[in-house]
Structure formats: C-alpha cells, structure tokens
Amino acid sequence: MSMFLTACAGSQSDYDSYPGSAPGNQRAGTKGRAATTADVKKEGTLFGQDGLNFLGGDDKKNQGGGTGIGVNSFLWRATLDTLSFMPLNSADPFGGVIITDWYSPPETPNERFKVTGYILDTALRSDAVKVSVFRQVRVGPEQWADAVVESGTVTAMEDAILTRARQLRIDSAAAEK
C-alpha cells in the first residue's frame, strides 16, 4: 500500500507546473506574482474566448428575439399568451413547440379542442409560426370522435399570435427608450 502511495506522489515541482493544481499554487506563467484575469484569458478556456453562454449572457449580444430560447422570443411569448385560455400540456422553448391539453369551451361542452403551436424561426416573420388545431365532438359518454376544424380557425389563431408578437416587440422597443 505504501508503495502505491509513493508511486502516486509526485514532486512539488510537478504540482507547480500544473495551473491551479493545489491550493496556494500559482498559475503557470505568472513568475512569482498572483495570476490575473489576463493570465487566465491568455492561457485559454475550454469553451472558447467568451466561455459557455447557456441562457443568454451579454445583453449587447442579444439582438432581435433574444437568445435564452431557441426561437423568436416575441413569437414564443405571443403564442403562450394567445393559448393561455387552454390548459398547457407541454412547452419546449428550445424546439419551439407548445402543446395544449384538450379544452371544452363553456358554451359548447360537447366539443373540445387541442392546439399545437410551432415557432419555426428566430425571426419575427409571418411564416415563422404554424398552428395545428384538433377538434373532437362527443358521441357518447366519455367517447369522442374527430371532427373537421373550420377553415378559418387556424388562420385566425396564427393572425392573433402574430398581432400579439408585434405588440410585444413594440412594447419592448418603447421600454428601451
């Protein structure tokens, strides 16, 4: 056992040559002075010059829709706002998919709707949002059958999302001034 420990123990100079390897040791290349941020940057980092930028980071780099999510943030928030009257089943901000659960309007309890919203781009454009609407009607107790969705329903929902996204963008620009 003691031979194993002896074999694993290196000389102190081994520790000094490895940056930050032991408490109190200085980084390589500092020549008797404390390591500075410039020394650390000079040596490099594992994730590049700016480091790992997971959920945004520098506000000056965040242009347009933002970088905290994988899609346009105005379209994302507008889709959530527009579909907020329905129960949310799942939301993936990196993939840009919002799925609601089945919803029965109080005025028509014998039909229910489910909506899936897709944000397809990081730009605020009309073709960057797509909505799929599913409709079912009651055919018996706890039995539902698929039904046709009126042709204008999908277009109306997409228009409502785009209108809300434009308003969020205008509000954001006004807040920055």
C-alpha atoms as a PDB file:
ATOM      1  CA  MET A   1       0.000   0.000   0.000  1.00  0.00           C
ATOM      2  CA  SER A   2       2.768   2.423   0.871  1.00  0.00           C
ATOM      3  CA  MET A   3       4.473   1.701  -2.488  1.00  0.00           C
ATOM      4  CA  PHE A   4       1.270   2.688  -4.271  1.00  0.00           C
ATOM      5  CA  LEU A   5       1.063   5.961  -2.392  1.00  0.00           C
ATOM      6  CA  THR A   6       4.730   6.656  -3.008  1.00  0.00           C
ATOM      7  CA  ALA A   7       4.292   5.995  -6.725  1.00  0.00           C
ATOM      8  CA  CYS A   8       1.304   8.353  -6.909  1.00  0.00           C
ATOM      9  CA  ALA A   9       3.021  11.144  -5.025  1.00  0.00           C
ATOM     10  CA  GLY A  10       4.891  13.431  -7.405  1.00  0.00           C
ATOM     11  CA  SER A  11       7.434  16.039  -6.584  1.00  0.00           C
ATOM     12  CA  GLN A  12       6.315  19.526  -5.589  1.00  0.00           C
ATOM     13  CA  SER A  13       7.616  20.848  -8.919  1.00  0.00           C
ATOM     14  CA  ASP A  14       5.054  18.628 -10.689  1.00  0.00           C
ATOM     15  CA  TYR A  15       2.275  20.453  -8.835  1.00  0.00           C
ATOM     16  CA  ASP A  16       3.763  23.882  -9.510  1.00  0.00           C
ATOM     17  CA  SER A  17       3.832  23.302 -13.256  1.00  0.00           C
ATOM     18  CA  TYR A  18       0.137  22.432 -13.428  1.00  0.00           C
ATOM     19  CA  PRO A  19      -2.030  25.577 -13.223  1.00  0.00           C
ATOM     20  CA  GLY A  20      -4.247  25.694 -10.158  1.00  0.00           C
ATOM     21  CA  SER A  21      -3.499  22.099  -9.184  1.00  0.00           C
ATOM     22  CA  ALA A  22      -3.066  22.619  -5.464  1.00  0.00           C
ATOM     23  CA  PRO A  23      -4.310  25.255  -3.027  1.00  0.00           C
ATOM     24  CA  GLY A  24      -1.904  28.194  -2.867  1.00  0.00           C
ATOM     25  CA  ASN A  25      -0.054  27.308  -6.060  1.00  0.00           C
ATOM     26  CA  GLN A  26       0.195  29.946  -8.736  1.00  0.00           C
ATOM     27  CA  ARG A  27      -0.810  29.522 -12.339  1.00  0.00           C
ATOM     28  CA  ALA A  28       1.941  28.691 -14.778  1.00  0.00           C
ATOM     29  CA  GLY A  29       3.470  31.740 -16.397  1.00  0.00           C
ATOM     30  CA  THR A  30       2.864  34.173 -13.521  1.00  0.00           C
ATOM     31  CA  LYS A  31       6.561  34.173 -12.423  1.00  0.00           C
ATOM     32  CA  GLY A  32       6.173  34.863  -8.738  1.00  0.00           C
ATOM     33  CA  ARG A  33       3.125  37.131  -8.956  1.00  0.00           C
ATOM     34  CA  ALA A  34      -0.533  36.356  -8.443  1.00  0.00           C
ATOM     35  CA  ALA A  35      -2.455  35.170 -11.504  1.00  0.00           C
ATOM     36  CA  THR A  36      -4.648  37.820 -13.095  1.00  0.00           C
ATOM     37  CA  THR A  37      -7.688  37.615 -15.359  1.00  0.00           C
ATOM     38  CA  ALA A  38      -5.423  38.444 -18.294  1.00  0.00           C
ATOM     39  CA  ASP A  39      -3.236  35.427 -17.449  1.00  0.00           C
ATOM     40  CA  VAL A  40      -6.269  33.167 -17.380  1.00  0.00           C
ATOM     41  CA  LYS A  41      -7.528  34.505 -20.727  1.00  0.00           C
ATOM     42  CA  LYS A  42      -4.033  34.173 -22.208  1.00  0.00           C
ATOM     43  CA  GLU A  43      -3.979  30.503 -21.270  1.00  0.00           C
ATOM     44  CA  GLY A  44      -7.390  29.955 -22.886  1.00  0.00           C
ATOM     45  CA  THR A  45     -10.547  28.298 -21.771  1.00  0.00           C
ATOM     46  CA  LEU A  46     -12.253  25.054 -22.546  1.00  0.00           C
ATOM     47  CA  PHE A  47     -15.308  26.742 -24.115  1.00  0.00           C
ATOM     48  CA  GLY A  48     -13.610  29.469 -26.165  1.00  0.00           C
ATOM     49  CA  GLN A  49     -12.917  33.128 -25.575  1.00  0.00           C
ATOM     50  CA  ASP A  50     -16.396  34.052 -24.315  1.00  0.00           C
ATOM     51  CA  GLY A  51     -16.877  30.915 -22.239  1.00  0.00           C
ATOM     52  CA  LEU A  52     -20.085  28.916 -22.104  1.00  0.00           C
ATOM     53  CA  ASN A  53     -23.160  31.046 -22.842  1.00  0.00           C
ATOM     54  CA  PHE A  54     -26.096  28.870 -21.782  1.00  0.00           C
ATOM     55  CA  LEU A  55     -29.082  31.151 -21.224  1.00  0.00           C
ATOM     56  CA  GLY A  56     -28.230  34.481 -22.722  1.00  0.00           C
ATOM     57  CA  GLY A  57     -25.320  36.327 -21.229  1.00  0.00           C
ATOM     58  CA  ASP A  58     -24.237  39.738 -22.520  1.00  0.00           C
ATOM     59  CA  ASP A  59     -27.273  41.904 -23.289  1.00  0.00           C
ATOM     60  CA  LYS A  60     -25.368  43.714 -26.046  1.00  0.00           C
ATOM     61  CA  LYS A  61     -25.155  40.451 -27.967  1.00  0.00           C
ATOM     62  CA  ASN A  62     -28.876  39.727 -27.590  1.00  0.00           C
ATOM     63  CA  GLN A  63     -30.484  41.208 -30.632  1.00  0.00           C
ATOM     64  CA  GLY A  64     -33.889  40.622 -32.166  1.00  0.00           C
ATOM     65  CA  GLY A  65     -35.757  37.926 -30.328  1.00  0.00           C
ATOM     66  CA  GLY A  66     -33.196  37.103 -27.635  1.00  0.00           C
ATOM     67  CA  THR A  67     -31.012  34.086 -27.031  1.00  0.00           C
ATOM     68  CA  GLY A  68     -32.419  32.445 -23.916  1.00  0.00           C
ATOM     69  CA  ILE A  69     -34.589  30.211 -26.059  1.00  0.00           C
ATOM     70  CA  GLY A  70     -34.075  28.604 -29.426  1.00  0.00           C
ATOM     71  CA  VAL A  71     -36.806  30.569 -31.207  1.00  0.00           C
ATOM     72  CA  ASN A  72     -38.043  34.149 -31.540  1.00  0.00           C
ATOM     73  CA  SER A  73     -38.948  35.251 -28.017  1.00  0.00           C
ATOM     74  CA  PHE A  74     -41.746  37.572 -29.178  1.00  0.00           C
ATOM     75  CA  LEU A  75     -43.448  34.757 -31.101  1.00  0.00           C
ATOM     76  CA  TRP A  76     -42.902  32.384 -28.193  1.00  0.00           C
ATOM     77  CA  ARG A  77     -44.484  34.703 -25.624  1.00  0.00           C
ATOM     78  CA  ALA A  78     -47.267  35.667 -28.028  1.00  0.00           C
ATOM     79  CA  THR A  79     -48.131  32.016 -28.625  1.00  0.00           C
ATOM     80  CA  LEU A  80     -48.224  31.340 -24.882  1.00  0.00           C
ATOM     81  CA  ASP A  81     -50.394  34.440 -24.351  1.00  0.00           C
ATOM     82  CA  THR A  82     -52.777  33.555 -27.177  1.00  0.00           C
ATOM     83  CA  LEU A  83     -53.217  29.968 -25.990  1.00  0.00           C
ATOM     84  CA  SER A  84     -53.379  30.863 -22.292  1.00  0.00           C
ATOM     85  CA  PHE A  85     -57.118  30.176 -22.106  1.00  0.00           C
ATOM     86  CA  MET A  86     -56.378  26.480 -22.734  1.00  0.00           C
ATOM     87  CA  PRO A  87     -54.591  24.164 -20.284  1.00  0.00           C
ATOM     88  CA  LEU A  88     -50.947  23.722 -21.206  1.00  0.00           C
ATOM     89  CA  ASN A  89     -49.722  20.161 -21.753  1.00  0.00           C
ATOM     90  CA  SER A  90     -46.102  20.858 -22.672  1.00  0.00           C
ATOM     91  CA  ALA A  91     -43.838  23.648 -23.856  1.00  0.00           C
ATOM     92  CA  ASP A  92     -40.357  23.304 -25.358  1.00  0.00           C
ATOM     93  CA  PRO A  93     -38.719  26.740 -25.752  1.00  0.00           C
ATOM     94  CA  PHE A  94     -35.626  25.287 -27.436  1.00  0.00           C
ATOM     95  CA  GLY A  95     -37.582  23.310 -30.028  1.00  0.00           C
ATOM     96  CA  GLY A  96     -40.332  25.908 -30.302  1.00  0.00           C
ATOM     97  CA  VAL A  97     -43.301  23.614 -29.649  1.00  0.00           C
ATOM     98  CA  ILE A  98     -46.291  24.392 -27.423  1.00  0.00           C
ATOM     99  CA  ILE A  99     -48.957  21.721 -26.927  1.00  0.00           C
ATOM    100  CA  THR A 100     -52.192  22.334 -25.088  1.00  0.00           C
ATOM    101  CA  ASP A 101     -54.402  19.780 -23.429  1.00  0.00           C
ATOM    102  CA  TRP A 102     -57.987  19.235 -24.550  1.00  0.00           C
ATOM    103  CA  TYR A 103     -60.233  22.204 -23.849  1.00  0.00           C
ATOM    104  CA  SER A 104     -64.031  22.353 -23.957  1.00  0.00           C
ATOM    105  CA  PRO A 105     -65.485  25.858 -24.232  1.00  0.00           C
ATOM    106  CA  PRO A 106     -68.194  26.502 -21.623  1.00  0.00           C
ATOM    107  CA  GLU A 107     -70.701  27.459 -24.344  1.00  0.00           C
ATOM    108  CA  THR A 108     -70.168  24.170 -26.253  1.00  0.00           C
ATOM    109  CA  PRO A 109     -69.420  21.374 -23.761  1.00  0.00           C
ATOM    110  CA  ASN A 110     -69.968  18.664 -26.386  1.00  0.00           C
ATOM    111  CA  GLU A 111     -66.897  19.621 -28.371  1.00  0.00           C
ATOM    112  CA  ARG A 112     -63.266  20.020 -27.402  1.00  0.00           C
ATOM    113  CA  PHE A 113     -60.120  21.428 -28.961  1.00  0.00           C
ATOM    114  CA  LYS A 114     -56.410  20.799 -28.738  1.00  0.00           C
ATOM    115  CA  VAL A 115     -53.807  23.135 -30.258  1.00  0.00           C
ATOM    116  CA  THR A 116     -50.161  22.671 -31.140  1.00  0.00           C
ATOM    117  CA  GLY A 117     -48.138  25.802 -31.877  1.00  0.00           C
ATOM    118  CA  TYR A 118     -44.813  25.675 -33.685  1.00  0.00           C
ATOM    119  CA  ILE A 119     -42.298  28.528 -33.719  1.00  0.00           C
ATOM    120  CA  LEU A 120     -40.146  27.781 -36.750  1.00  0.00           C
ATOM    121  CA  ASP A 121     -37.583  30.585 -36.825  1.00  0.00           C
ATOM    122  CA  THR A 122     -35.686  33.106 -34.748  1.00  0.00           C
ATOM    123  CA  ALA A 123     -37.007  35.971 -36.889  1.00  0.00           C
ATOM    124  CA  LEU A 124     -40.332  37.702 -36.311  1.00  0.00           C
ATOM    125  CA  ARG A 125     -41.979  36.753 -39.606  1.00  0.00           C
ATOM    126  CA  SER A 126     -45.415  35.524 -40.583  1.00  0.00           C
ATOM    127  CA  ASP A 127     -44.089  32.169 -41.800  1.00  0.00           C
ATOM    128  CA  ALA A 128     -42.235  31.571 -38.515  1.00  0.00           C
ATOM    129  CA  VAL A 129     -45.395  30.437 -36.701  1.00  0.00           C
ATOM    130  CA  LYS A 130     -47.589  27.455 -37.518  1.00  0.00           C
ATOM    131  CA  VAL A 131     -50.649  26.274 -35.641  1.00  0.00           C
ATOM    132  CA  SER A 132     -52.414  22.923 -35.769  1.00  0.00           C
ATOM    133  CA  VAL A 133     -55.921  22.708 -34.309  1.00  0.00           C
ATOM    134  CA  PHE A 134     -57.630  19.423 -33.479  1.00  0.00           C
ATOM    135  CA  ARG A 135     -61.344  19.177 -32.769  1.00  0.00           C
ATOM    136  CA  GLN A 136     -63.439  16.376 -31.349  1.00  0.00           C
ATOM    137  CA  VAL A 137     -67.174  16.061 -30.708  1.00  0.00           C
ATOM    138  CA  ARG A 138     -68.876  13.950 -28.070  1.00  0.00           C
ATOM    139  CA  VAL A 139     -70.551  10.848 -29.498  1.00  0.00           C
ATOM    140  CA  GLY A 140     -71.406   9.190 -26.203  1.00  0.00           C
ATOM    141  CA  PRO A 141     -70.492   9.206 -22.540  1.00  0.00           C
ATOM    142  CA  GLU A 142     -66.702   9.669 -22.390  1.00  0.00           C
ATOM    143  CA  GLN A 143     -66.475   8.947 -26.123  1.00  0.00           C
ATOM    144  CA  TRP A 144     -65.104  11.462 -28.573  1.00  0.00           C
ATOM    145  CA  ALA A 145     -64.783  11.412 -32.356  1.00  0.00           C
ATOM    146  CA  ASP A 146     -62.507  13.536 -34.513  1.00  0.00           C
ATOM    147  CA  ALA A 147     -64.273  16.345 -36.353  1.00  0.00           C
ATOM    148  CA  VAL A 148     -63.419  18.864 -39.040  1.00  0.00           C
ATOM    149  CA  VAL A 149     -61.965  22.191 -37.955  1.00  0.00           C
ATOM    150  CA  GLU A 150     -63.437  25.259 -39.655  1.00  0.00           C
ATOM    151  CA  SER A 151     -61.109  26.534 -42.357  1.00  0.00           C
ATOM    152  CA  GLY A 152     -60.529  29.983 -40.840  1.00  0.00           C
ATOM    153  CA  THR A 153     -59.737  28.775 -37.325  1.00  0.00           C
ATOM    154  CA  VAL A 154     -56.040  28.051 -37.942  1.00  0.00           C
ATOM    155  CA  THR A 155     -55.512  31.314 -39.842  1.00  0.00           C
ATOM    156  CA  ALA A 156     -57.302  33.305 -37.133  1.00  0.00           C
ATOM    157  CA  MET A 157     -55.105  31.776 -34.411  1.00  0.00           C
ATOM    158  CA  GLU A 158     -51.904  32.440 -36.364  1.00  0.00           C
ATOM    159  CA  ASP A 159     -53.004  36.039 -37.011  1.00  0.00           C
ATOM    160  CA  ALA A 160     -53.773  36.528 -33.317  1.00  0.00           C
ATOM    161  CA  ILE A 161     -50.287  35.229 -32.398  1.00  0.00           C
ATOM    162  CA  LEU A 162     -48.587  37.500 -34.944  1.00  0.00           C
ATOM    163  CA  THR A 163     -50.580  40.526 -33.769  1.00  0.00           C
ATOM    164  CA  ARG A 164     -49.625  39.837 -30.153  1.00  0.00           C
ATOM    165  CA  ALA A 165     -45.947  39.303 -31.125  1.00  0.00           C
ATOM    166  CA  ARG A 166     -45.852  42.649 -32.938  1.00  0.00           C
ATOM    167  CA  GLN A 167     -47.364  44.342 -29.887  1.00  0.00           C
ATOM    168  CA  LEU A 168     -44.771  42.723 -27.595  1.00  0.00           C
ATOM    169  CA  ARG A 169     -41.997  43.922 -29.885  1.00  0.00           C
ATOM    170  CA  ILE A 170     -43.383  47.492 -29.949  1.00  0.00           C
ATOM    171  CA  ASP A 171     -43.703  47.457 -26.153  1.00  0.00           C
ATOM    172  CA  SER A 172     -40.134  46.182 -25.828  1.00  0.00           C
ATOM    173  CA  ALA A 173     -38.767  48.901 -28.117  1.00  0.00           C
ATOM    174  CA  ALA A 174     -40.666  51.578 -26.189  1.00  0.00           C
ATOM    175  CA  ALA A 175     -39.320  50.273 -22.875  1.00  0.00           C
ATOM    176  CA  GLU A 176     -35.724  50.501 -24.147  1.00  0.00           C
ATOM    177  CA  LYS A 177     -36.011  54.221 -24.944  1.00  0.00           C
END
